[in-house]
Amino acid sequence: MSAAPSNWQKATASGGGGENCIELQAGTEEGTIRVRESLLPDAEIITTKANLAAFIEGVKKGEFDHFVK
């Protein structure tokens, strides 16, 4: 079940009305993060802070650039 949109955080770079972005929210269990795509708000994944941090580090290093080129 999705939380109210005001509880989700998205990047300012998502542009426009924010309809095309990845959104994050603190999970209900300690140390978890909920992730969803704004176009499919009912489809969420739950991950750990450590896993999200590792993913963000990979993004910063350019490891996923080939997906957006």
C-alpha atoms as a PDB file:
ATOM      1  CA  MET A   1       0.000   0.000   0.000  1.00  0.00           C
ATOM      2  CA  SER A   2       1.399   3.394  -0.999  1.00  0.00           C
ATOM      3  CA  ALA A   3       1.895   6.239   1.419  1.00  0.00           C
ATOM      4  CA  ALA A   4       0.566   9.716   0.836  1.00  0.00           C
ATOM      5  CA  PRO A   5       2.515  11.517  -1.917  1.00  0.00           C
ATOM      6  CA  SER A   6       3.652  14.217   0.514  1.00  0.00           C
ATOM      7  CA  ASN A   7       5.680  11.591   2.397  1.00  0.00           C
ATOM      8  CA  TRP A   8       7.790  10.727  -0.641  1.00  0.00           C
ATOM      9  CA  GLN A   9      10.975  12.586  -1.578  1.00  0.00           C
ATOM     10  CA  LYS A  10      12.113  13.071  -5.155  1.00  0.00           C
ATOM     11  CA  ALA A  11      15.067  14.778  -6.759  1.00  0.00           C
ATOM     12  CA  THR A  12      14.660  18.384  -7.847  1.00  0.00           C
ATOM     13  CA  ALA A  13      16.099  17.282 -11.205  1.00  0.00           C
ATOM     14  CA  SER A  14      12.966  15.221 -11.883  1.00  0.00           C
ATOM     15  CA  GLY A  15      11.603  18.269 -13.695  1.00  0.00           C
ATOM     16  CA  GLY A  16       8.138  19.436 -14.596  1.00  0.00           C
ATOM     17  CA  GLY A  17       5.486  18.422 -12.132  1.00  0.00           C
ATOM     18  CA  GLY A  18       7.615  15.559 -10.845  1.00  0.00           C
ATOM     19  CA  GLU A  19       5.678  12.952 -12.782  1.00  0.00           C
ATOM     20  CA  ASN A  20       8.818  11.260 -14.150  1.00  0.00           C
ATOM     21  CA  CYS A  21      10.999  10.382 -11.211  1.00  0.00           C
ATOM     22  CA  ILE A  22      12.147   7.870  -8.675  1.00  0.00           C
ATOM     23  CA  GLU A  23      10.839   8.636  -5.188  1.00  0.00           C
ATOM     24  CA  LEU A  24      12.184   7.566  -1.790  1.00  0.00           C
ATOM     25  CA  GLN A  25      10.643   7.287   1.652  1.00  0.00           C
ATOM     26  CA  ALA A  26      11.884   5.973   4.990  1.00  0.00           C
ATOM     27  CA  GLY A  27      10.622   2.451   5.520  1.00  0.00           C
ATOM     28  CA  THR A  28       8.483   1.371   8.432  1.00  0.00           C
ATOM     29  CA  GLU A  29      11.218  -0.968   9.710  1.00  0.00           C
ATOM     30  CA  GLU A  30      14.453   0.460  11.089  1.00  0.00           C
ATOM     31  CA  GLY A  31      17.128   0.931   8.433  1.00  0.00           C
ATOM     32  CA  THR A  32      14.875   0.431   5.418  1.00  0.00           C
ATOM     33  CA  ILE A  33      14.060   2.672   2.469  1.00  0.00           C
ATOM     34  CA  ARG A  34      11.027   2.416   0.189  1.00  0.00           C
ATOM     35  CA  VAL A  35      11.558   3.151  -3.511  1.00  0.00           C
ATOM     36  CA  ARG A  36       8.964   3.712  -6.219  1.00  0.00           C
ATOM     37  CA  GLU A  37       8.591   5.073  -9.741  1.00  0.00           C
ATOM     38  CA  SER A  38       6.162   8.001  -9.869  1.00  0.00           C
ATOM     39  CA  LEU A  39       4.444   6.566 -12.959  1.00  0.00           C
ATOM     40  CA  LEU A  40       3.689   3.322 -11.051  1.00  0.00           C
ATOM     41  CA  PRO A  41       3.180   4.512  -7.457  1.00  0.00           C
ATOM     42  CA  ASP A  42       1.694   1.220  -6.257  1.00  0.00           C
ATOM     43  CA  ALA A  43       4.786  -0.764  -7.289  1.00  0.00           C
ATOM     44  CA  GLU A  44       7.339  -0.326  -4.522  1.00  0.00           C
ATOM     45  CA  ILE A  45      10.513  -2.037  -3.445  1.00  0.00           C
ATOM     46  CA  ILE A  46      11.977  -2.014   0.027  1.00  0.00           C
ATOM     47  CA  THR A  47      15.734  -2.020   0.450  1.00  0.00           C
ATOM     48  CA  THR A  48      18.245  -1.250   3.169  1.00  0.00           C
ATOM     49  CA  LYS A  49      20.075   2.022   3.665  1.00  0.00           C
ATOM     50  CA  ALA A  50      23.342   0.186   2.994  1.00  0.00           C
ATOM     51  CA  ASN A  51      22.102  -1.242  -0.326  1.00  0.00           C
ATOM     52  CA  LEU A  52      20.772   2.145  -1.420  1.00  0.00           C
ATOM     53  CA  ALA A  53      24.069   3.813  -0.473  1.00  0.00           C
ATOM     54  CA  ALA A  54      25.999   1.245  -2.539  1.00  0.00           C
ATOM     55  CA  PHE A  55      23.704   1.862  -5.510  1.00  0.00           C
ATOM     56  CA  ILE A  56      24.093   5.646  -5.230  1.00  0.00           C
ATOM     57  CA  GLU A  57      27.864   5.234  -5.068  1.00  0.00           C
ATOM     58  CA  GLY A  58      27.726   3.195  -8.284  1.00  0.00           C
ATOM     59  CA  VAL A  59      25.598   5.882  -9.949  1.00  0.00           C
ATOM     60  CA  LYS A  60      28.104   8.567  -8.943  1.00  0.00           C
ATOM     61  CA  LYS A  61      30.923   6.469 -10.408  1.00  0.00           C
ATOM     62  CA  GLY A  62      29.063   6.176 -13.722  1.00  0.00           C
ATOM     63  CA  GLU A  63      28.527   2.412 -13.477  1.00  0.00           C
ATOM     64  CA  PHE A  64      24.956   2.742 -14.810  1.00  0.00           C
ATOM     65  CA  ASP A  65      25.483   5.439 -17.434  1.00  0.00           C
ATOM     66  CA  HIS A  66      25.004   2.954 -20.272  1.00  0.00           C
ATOM     67  CA  PHE A  67      21.334   2.597 -19.268  1.00  0.00           C
ATOM     68  CA  VAL A  68      20.593   6.250 -20.053  1.00  0.00           C
ATOM     69  CA  LYS A  69      22.665   6.806 -23.186  1.00  0.00           C
END
